[in-house]
Protein backbone atom coordinates (compact mmCIF):
# COMPACT_ATOMS: atom_id res chain seq x y z
CA MET A 1 -22.50 -38.56 21.80
CA GLU A 2 -19.59 -39.18 24.15
CA LEU A 3 -17.58 -36.08 25.02
CA LEU A 4 -13.81 -35.90 24.79
CA THR A 5 -11.59 -34.97 27.71
CA ILE A 6 -9.45 -31.87 27.27
CA GLY A 7 -6.40 -34.11 26.85
CA ALA A 8 -7.99 -36.20 24.10
CA PHE A 9 -9.40 -33.12 22.40
CA ALA A 10 -6.00 -31.38 22.55
CA LYS A 11 -4.35 -34.36 20.87
CA ALA A 12 -7.00 -34.57 18.15
CA SER A 13 -7.03 -30.84 17.43
CA ARG A 14 -3.27 -30.29 17.80
CA LEU A 15 -3.91 -27.53 20.31
CA SER A 16 -2.30 -27.76 23.71
CA PRO A 17 -4.49 -27.96 26.85
CA LYS A 18 -3.03 -24.59 27.83
CA ALA A 19 -4.15 -23.06 24.52
CA LEU A 20 -7.61 -24.61 24.88
CA ARG A 21 -8.01 -23.12 28.34
CA HIS A 22 -6.90 -19.73 26.99
CA TYR A 23 -9.33 -19.88 24.06
CA ASP A 24 -12.11 -20.81 26.48
CA GLU A 25 -11.36 -17.75 28.60
CA LEU A 26 -11.51 -15.58 25.47
CA GLY A 27 -14.81 -17.12 24.37
CA LEU A 28 -13.15 -18.33 21.18
CA LEU A 29 -13.55 -22.06 21.76
CA PRO A 30 -15.69 -22.82 24.86
CA PRO A 31 -15.99 -26.47 25.90
CA ALA A 32 -19.25 -28.38 25.52
CA ARG A 33 -19.36 -29.01 29.28
CA VAL A 34 -17.43 -28.07 32.39
CA ASP A 35 -17.58 -30.33 35.44
CA PRO A 36 -19.15 -28.16 38.19
CA LEU A 37 -17.06 -29.79 40.93
CA THR A 38 -13.62 -30.21 39.34
CA GLY A 39 -13.80 -27.55 36.61
CA TYR A 40 -12.58 -30.15 34.15
CA ARG A 41 -13.39 -29.32 30.51
CA PHE A 42 -15.03 -31.68 28.03
CA TYR A 43 -15.44 -31.13 24.29
CA ALA A 44 -17.82 -32.51 21.68
CA PRO A 45 -16.32 -34.29 18.65
CA GLU A 46 -18.13 -31.88 16.32
CA GLN A 47 -16.01 -29.05 17.79
CA LEU A 48 -12.89 -30.51 16.21
CA ASP A 49 -13.36 -28.75 12.86
CA ARG A 50 -13.53 -25.36 14.53
CA ALA A 51 -10.58 -26.17 16.78
CA ARG A 52 -8.44 -27.26 13.83
CA LEU A 53 -9.38 -24.09 11.95
CA VAL A 54 -8.33 -22.02 14.95
CA ALA A 55 -5.02 -23.91 15.08
CA TRP A 56 -4.35 -23.34 11.38
CA LEU A 57 -5.23 -19.65 11.53
CA ARG A 58 -2.98 -19.14 14.53
CA ARG A 59 -0.12 -20.82 12.68
CA LEU A 60 -0.60 -18.17 10.00
CA GLY A 61 0.02 -15.57 12.68
CA MET A 62 -3.55 -14.28 12.54
CA PRO A 63 -4.64 -12.10 15.50
CA LEU A 64 -7.17 -13.68 17.85
CA ALA A 65 -9.77 -11.00 17.14
CA LEU A 66 -9.72 -11.88 13.44
CA VAL A 67 -9.74 -15.61 14.21
CA ARG A 68 -12.87 -15.07 16.27
CA HIS A 69 -14.49 -13.10 13.43
CA ILE A 70 -13.67 -15.75 10.81
CA GLY A 71 -15.18 -18.40 13.07
CA THR A 72 -18.57 -16.70 12.66
CA LEU A 73 -18.53 -16.74 8.84
CA GLU A 74 -19.69 -19.17 6.21
CA ALA A 75 -16.92 -21.07 4.41
CA ALA A 76 -16.82 -18.92 1.25
CA GLU A 77 -16.74 -15.64 3.16
CA ALA A 78 -14.16 -17.04 5.59
CA ALA A 79 -11.97 -18.00 2.63
CA ARG A 80 -12.12 -14.42 1.31
CA GLU A 81 -11.08 -13.08 4.71
CA VAL A 82 -8.14 -15.47 4.90
CA ARG A 83 -7.07 -14.47 1.38
CA ALA A 84 -7.29 -10.78 2.31
CA PHE A 85 -5.31 -11.34 5.52
CA TRP A 86 -2.55 -13.18 3.68
CA ALA A 87 -2.35 -10.46 1.02
CA ARG A 88 -1.73 -7.96 3.81
CA VAL A 89 0.94 -10.22 5.30
CA GLU A 90 2.69 -10.52 1.94
CA ALA A 91 2.54 -6.77 1.38
CA ASP A 92 4.02 -6.15 4.82
CA THR A 93 6.70 -8.78 4.22
CA ALA A 94 7.59 -7.17 0.90
CA ALA A 95 7.89 -3.76 2.56
CA ARG A 96 10.13 -5.18 5.28
CA ARG A 97 12.19 -7.04 2.66
CA ASP A 98 12.74 -3.76 0.82
CA LEU A 99 13.79 -2.09 4.06
CA ALA A 100 16.14 -4.96 4.88
CA GLY A 101 17.74 -4.64 1.45
CA PHE A 102 18.02 -0.90 1.95
CA LEU A 103 19.72 -1.40 5.31
CA VAL A 104 22.12 -4.00 3.93
CA ASP A 105 23.17 -1.57 1.21
CA HIS A 106 23.32 1.32 3.69
CA LEU A 107 25.58 -0.61 6.07
CA SER A 108 27.69 -2.07 3.27
CA ARG A 109 28.49 1.37 1.95
CA LYS A 110 29.89 2.28 5.36
CA ASP A 111 32.42 -0.53 4.90
CA PRO A 112 35.25 0.72 2.65
CA ALA A 113 35.90 -2.83 1.49
CA MET A 114 32.36 -3.04 0.11
CA SER A 115 32.01 0.47 -1.33
CA PRO A 116 31.50 0.64 -5.10
CA THR A 117 34.53 1.62 -7.14
CA THR A 118 32.88 1.92 -10.55
CA GLN A 119 32.89 5.25 -12.34
CA PRO A 120 29.74 7.27 -11.57
CA LEU A 121 27.11 7.51 -14.29
CA GLU A 122 25.13 10.58 -15.30
CA LEU A 123 21.51 11.50 -15.96
CA ARG A 124 19.94 13.15 -18.98
CA TYR A 125 16.45 14.28 -18.08
CA ALA A 126 13.36 16.27 -19.05
CA ALA A 127 10.12 17.18 -17.29
CA LEU A 128 6.76 18.48 -18.51
CA SER A 129 3.43 19.26 -16.87
CA ASP A 130 0.13 20.19 -18.52
CA THR A 131 -3.28 21.22 -17.20
CA GLY A 132 -5.09 18.86 -19.58
CA LEU A 133 -8.30 19.58 -21.43
CA VAL A 134 -10.85 19.50 -18.60
CA ARG A 135 -9.35 20.92 -15.39
CA GLU A 136 -9.24 24.69 -14.91
CA SER A 137 -5.93 24.67 -13.03
CA ASN A 138 -2.87 22.47 -12.67
CA GLN A 139 -2.32 20.94 -9.24
CA ASP A 140 0.67 18.86 -10.36
CA THR A 141 4.26 19.80 -9.64
CA VAL A 142 7.29 18.34 -11.44
CA HIS A 143 11.01 18.77 -11.05
CA ALA A 144 14.00 17.33 -12.90
CA GLY A 145 17.58 18.14 -11.97
CA SER A 146 20.98 16.53 -11.88
CA ARG A 147 20.30 15.01 -8.45
CA LEU A 148 16.52 14.99 -7.99
CA LEU A 149 13.55 13.85 -10.08
CA ALA A 150 10.07 14.39 -8.64
CA VAL A 151 6.34 14.35 -9.44
CA ALA A 152 3.65 15.45 -6.98
CA ASP A 153 -0.09 15.39 -7.67
CA GLY A 154 -1.93 17.65 -5.25
CA PHE A 155 -5.60 17.24 -4.44
CA GLY A 156 -8.24 19.12 -2.46
CA GLY A 157 -8.70 22.81 -1.81
CA ALA A 158 -4.99 23.52 -1.48
CA GLY A 159 -3.69 20.70 -3.64
CA ALA A 160 -1.39 22.81 -5.78
CA PRO A 161 0.41 24.41 -2.80
CA ALA A 162 0.65 20.98 -1.13
CA GLY A 163 2.38 19.39 -4.11
CA ALA A 164 4.64 22.38 -4.64
CA ALA A 165 5.62 22.41 -0.97
CA ALA A 166 6.55 18.72 -1.01
CA VAL A 167 8.79 19.07 -4.06
CA GLU A 168 10.34 22.31 -2.84
CA ALA A 169 11.27 20.64 0.45
CA LEU A 170 13.10 17.89 -1.44
CA LYS A 171 14.97 20.32 -3.67
CA ARG A 172 17.49 20.88 -0.90
CA LEU A 173 18.81 17.44 -1.84
CA GLU A 174 20.10 19.04 -5.05
CA THR A 175 22.64 21.12 -3.14
CA ASP A 176 23.04 19.49 0.28
CA GLY A 177 26.01 17.18 0.59
CA ILE A 178 25.21 13.53 1.26
CA PRO A 179 27.85 11.82 3.41
CA ALA A 180 28.92 8.43 2.08
CA GLY A 181 26.82 5.63 3.53
CA ASP A 182 24.27 8.05 5.01
CA LEU A 183 21.60 7.98 2.30
CA LEU A 184 18.93 6.38 4.47
CA ASN A 185 19.11 9.10 7.13
CA VAL A 186 19.18 11.82 4.49
CA LEU A 187 16.05 10.45 2.87
CA GLU A 188 14.18 10.10 6.15
CA THR A 189 15.01 13.69 7.07
CA ALA A 190 13.96 14.94 3.63
CA VAL A 191 10.64 13.07 3.78
CA GLU A 192 9.89 14.44 7.25
CA ARG A 193 10.69 17.93 5.98
CA ALA A 194 8.38 17.44 3.01
CA GLY A 195 5.57 16.22 5.26
CA ARG A 196 5.90 19.27 7.51
CA ALA A 197 5.96 21.55 4.48
CA VAL A 198 2.73 20.02 3.17
CA HIS A 199 1.01 20.44 6.53
CA ASP A 200 2.15 24.06 6.71
CA ALA A 201 0.90 24.71 3.17
CA ILE A 202 -2.56 23.28 3.68
CA GLY A 203 -2.94 24.41 7.28
CA ALA A 204 -3.17 28.03 6.19
CA ASP A 205 -6.20 27.30 4.01
CA ALA A 206 -9.49 27.12 5.89
CA ALA A 207 -10.94 24.97 3.10
CA ALA A 208 -8.04 22.52 3.10
CA ALA A 209 -9.92 19.57 4.58
CA GLY A 210 -9.24 16.54 2.45
CA THR A 211 -6.17 18.15 0.93
CA GLY A 212 -2.82 16.47 0.39
CA THR A 213 -0.47 15.31 -2.31
CA THR A 214 1.11 12.26 -3.82
CA LEU A 215 4.89 12.26 -4.08
CA THR A 216 7.12 10.08 -6.23
CA ALA A 217 10.74 11.20 -6.25
CA MET A 218 14.16 9.75 -7.01
CA LEU A 219 17.47 10.94 -5.61
CA TRP A 220 20.45 10.29 -7.88
CA THR A 221 23.73 9.31 -6.18
CA GLY A 222 25.88 8.66 -9.24
CA SER A 223 25.30 4.92 -9.39
CA GLN A 224 21.97 4.44 -7.64
CA LEU A 225 18.51 5.99 -7.48
CA ALA A 226 16.84 6.17 -4.09
CA LEU A 227 13.05 6.18 -4.45
CA VAL A 228 10.53 7.96 -2.22
CA HIS A 229 6.90 7.10 -3.02
CA ILE A 230 3.46 7.69 -1.56
CA GLY A 231 0.11 7.87 -3.37
CA ASP A 232 -0.77 6.88 -6.92
CA SER A 233 1.79 8.75 -8.99
CA ARG A 234 4.14 6.14 -10.43
CA ALA A 235 7.74 5.31 -11.30
CA TYR A 236 8.68 2.96 -14.12
CA LEU A 237 12.00 1.48 -15.23
CA LEU A 238 12.80 0.63 -18.85
CA ARG A 239 15.61 -1.93 -18.92
CA ASP A 240 16.61 -4.27 -21.74
CA GLY A 241 13.47 -3.35 -23.67
CA GLU A 242 11.07 -4.21 -20.81
CA LEU A 243 9.06 -1.59 -18.90
CA PHE A 244 8.49 -2.32 -15.20
CA GLN A 245 6.36 -0.40 -12.70
CA ILE A 246 8.58 -0.07 -9.63
CA THR A 247 6.09 1.63 -7.32
CA HIS A 248 2.92 0.30 -5.70
CA ASP A 249 -0.26 2.41 -5.91
CA HIS A 250 -1.54 3.40 -2.49
CA THR A 251 -5.21 3.34 -3.50
CA MET A 252 -8.27 1.57 -2.17
CA VAL A 253 -8.75 -0.22 -5.49
CA ARG A 254 -5.14 -1.49 -5.55
CA ALA A 255 -5.60 -2.83 -2.02
CA MET A 256 -8.81 -4.58 -3.11
CA VAL A 257 -6.96 -6.21 -6.02
CA ASP A 258 -4.11 -7.29 -3.73
CA GLU A 259 -6.63 -8.83 -1.33
CA GLY A 260 -8.42 -10.69 -4.13
CA ARG A 261 -11.66 -8.76 -3.73
CA ILE A 262 -11.74 -7.52 -7.33
CA THR A 263 -9.85 -8.32 -10.53
CA GLU A 264 -7.38 -6.12 -12.41
CA GLU A 265 -10.04 -5.59 -15.10
CA GLU A 266 -12.63 -4.50 -12.53
CA ALA A 267 -10.11 -2.10 -10.99
CA THR A 268 -9.74 -0.12 -14.23
CA VAL A 269 -13.44 0.88 -14.20
CA HIS A 270 -14.06 0.97 -10.44
CA PRO A 271 -15.80 4.25 -9.43
CA GLN A 272 -13.34 4.73 -6.54
CA ARG A 273 -10.17 3.91 -8.46
CA SER A 274 -8.66 7.31 -7.59
CA LEU A 275 -9.37 7.10 -3.86
CA LEU A 276 -6.04 7.22 -2.01
CA ILE A 277 -5.35 5.36 1.22
CA ARG A 278 -1.93 7.00 1.71
CA ALA A 279 -0.76 10.51 0.85
CA LEU A 280 1.39 13.29 2.26
CA GLY A 281 -0.86 15.46 4.41
CA GLY A 282 -3.35 12.59 4.79
CA ALA A 283 -4.99 11.78 8.08
CA ASP A 284 -3.57 8.24 8.22
CA GLY A 285 -0.09 9.50 9.06
CA ALA A 286 1.53 6.73 6.99
CA GLY A 287 4.91 7.52 5.53
CA PRO A 288 6.24 6.94 2.01
CA ASP A 289 7.87 3.76 0.73
CA LEU A 290 11.66 3.95 0.49
CA ARG A 291 13.54 1.82 -2.04
CA LEU A 292 16.96 1.74 -3.62
CA HIS A 293 17.74 0.88 -7.26
CA ASP A 294 21.11 0.11 -8.76
CA ALA A 295 21.33 1.97 -12.06
CA ARG A 296 22.84 0.74 -15.30
CA ALA A 297 23.92 2.69 -18.34
CA GLY A 298 21.03 2.47 -20.78
CA ASP A 299 18.28 2.51 -18.14
CA ARG A 300 15.40 4.93 -18.64
CA TYR A 301 13.15 6.02 -15.76
CA LEU A 302 9.65 7.49 -16.05
CA LEU A 303 7.89 9.27 -13.19
CA CYS A 304 4.31 10.37 -13.85
CA SER A 305 1.05 11.46 -12.27
CA ASP A 306 -2.11 9.42 -12.76
CA GLY A 307 -3.14 11.89 -15.45
CA LEU A 308 -0.92 9.74 -17.66
CA SER A 309 -1.09 6.23 -16.18
CA GLY A 310 -4.83 6.40 -15.56
CA VAL A 311 -5.67 7.61 -19.07
CA VAL A 312 -3.15 6.21 -21.56
CA PRO A 313 -3.04 2.43 -22.10
CA ALA A 314 0.07 0.78 -20.68
CA GLU A 315 1.13 -0.49 -24.09
CA GLU A 316 1.11 3.04 -25.51
CA VAL A 317 3.19 4.31 -22.58
CA ARG A 318 5.65 1.47 -23.16
CA ARG A 319 5.87 2.26 -26.87
CA VAL A 320 6.75 5.90 -26.32
CA VAL A 321 9.19 5.25 -23.48
CA THR A 322 10.90 2.57 -25.55
CA THR A 323 11.15 4.44 -28.85
CA ALA A 324 11.50 8.14 -28.00
CA ARG A 325 14.93 9.38 -29.04
CA ASP A 326 15.60 11.40 -25.88
CA PRO A 327 13.86 12.42 -22.61
CA GLU A 328 12.63 15.73 -24.07
CA ARG A 329 10.81 14.01 -26.92
CA ALA A 330 9.49 11.31 -24.56
CA VAL A 331 7.79 13.72 -22.15
CA ARG A 332 6.22 15.71 -24.99
CA GLU A 333 4.83 12.60 -26.66
CA LEU A 334 3.47 11.24 -23.36
CA VAL A 335 1.67 14.47 -22.49
CA SER A 336 0.31 14.64 -26.02
CA LEU A 337 -1.01 11.08 -25.71
CA ALA A 338 -2.85 11.94 -22.50
CA ASN A 339 -4.48 14.97 -24.11
CA ARG A 340 -5.42 13.03 -27.25
CA SER A 341 -7.12 10.55 -24.89
CA GLY A 342 -9.37 13.33 -23.59
CA GLY A 343 -7.02 15.02 -21.12
CA PRO A 344 -9.44 14.58 -18.18
CA ASP A 345 -6.77 15.33 -15.57
CA ASN A 346 -3.58 17.27 -15.12
CA VAL A 347 -0.73 15.25 -16.61
CA SER A 348 2.91 15.40 -15.58
CA CYS A 349 5.94 13.27 -16.27
CA VAL A 350 9.69 13.14 -15.87
CA VAL A 351 11.92 10.97 -18.06
CA ALA A 352 15.57 10.37 -17.21
CA ASP A 353 18.21 8.37 -19.04
CA VAL A 354 21.20 6.85 -17.27
CA VAL A 355 24.25 7.48 -19.47
CA GLU A 356 28.01 7.18 -19.41
CA PRO A 357 29.83 10.38 -18.37
CA GLY A 358 30.43 12.79 -21.22
CA SER A 359 27.84 11.24 -23.52
CA GLY A 360 26.08 14.54 -24.16
CA SER A 361 24.68 17.60 -22.43
CA ASN A 362 21.31 17.50 -20.77
CA ARG A 363 18.28 19.20 -22.27
CA PRO A 364 16.11 20.24 -19.28
């Protein structure tokens, strides 16, 4: 079969001659023949499919190493790899979109012309933690105050001290002043402080390998809630009768679902569904997600450990959060539900209502 010159092959594959030479040097797309005297490259027509695939994958922004790997796979397996890559891209884009929104709000609040002038709202809140019916000790830590809501689920040999240290480090936000427009820096400093506190807590325990903690916390500013989240504890928002999960589980199973490797139904029974890929004190060094939520009067927030979300069906959680008269009753009913479902894990939750000022005293 007649070979194509590099110019003809470039036109047919929509890859430039420069790109073809580069891919040859990398061993990604070697020509069928190279003229020994001139060094001119020639390509076989049957190489066009591979060349076009390379071009498409590069337009997706895929790294060359992954392009090379996909080129070795059968079509079905290659499709799964492309799906997994794009899921990672979308997750990264979502994280950067959240950060961009955070920065826009952060910078806007430094502009007096854009600062909110509405009357600050208030929180009514309650927190409860229970060992459950199976575990011998409680490694969860909860906190609910006028400025800070937090749930930490420790794990490993020093899990309880790890969770307690993370929450204790954030408690300074209850009393420290927060300069207007400086919320982002305050949060970053608080998260770094919590991370150091966790490392100090588990470093003193010789058996602390594999120890760390989840952390889901919200800082109340009077009109907004700033969210810090890492691990598989969760935060939910009840608004206009609908319950939304506003955190993303940092677990291996959640990543597999996002990448299309398993279904949501398979995730619920997966043997590694509790395996974390991000946590405070973890070896990966990844930091928490930071998000900002504008609050409305009538909103209800739920923070909980996986002793609730992993045991009680979502519809039952929604029913209690929607119908409970006040935060105190809500947390008691949620913990009771987890224990009536077998109580296999420690269970902790915080419920907070956003209310108009003067609508009633809090019942901690």
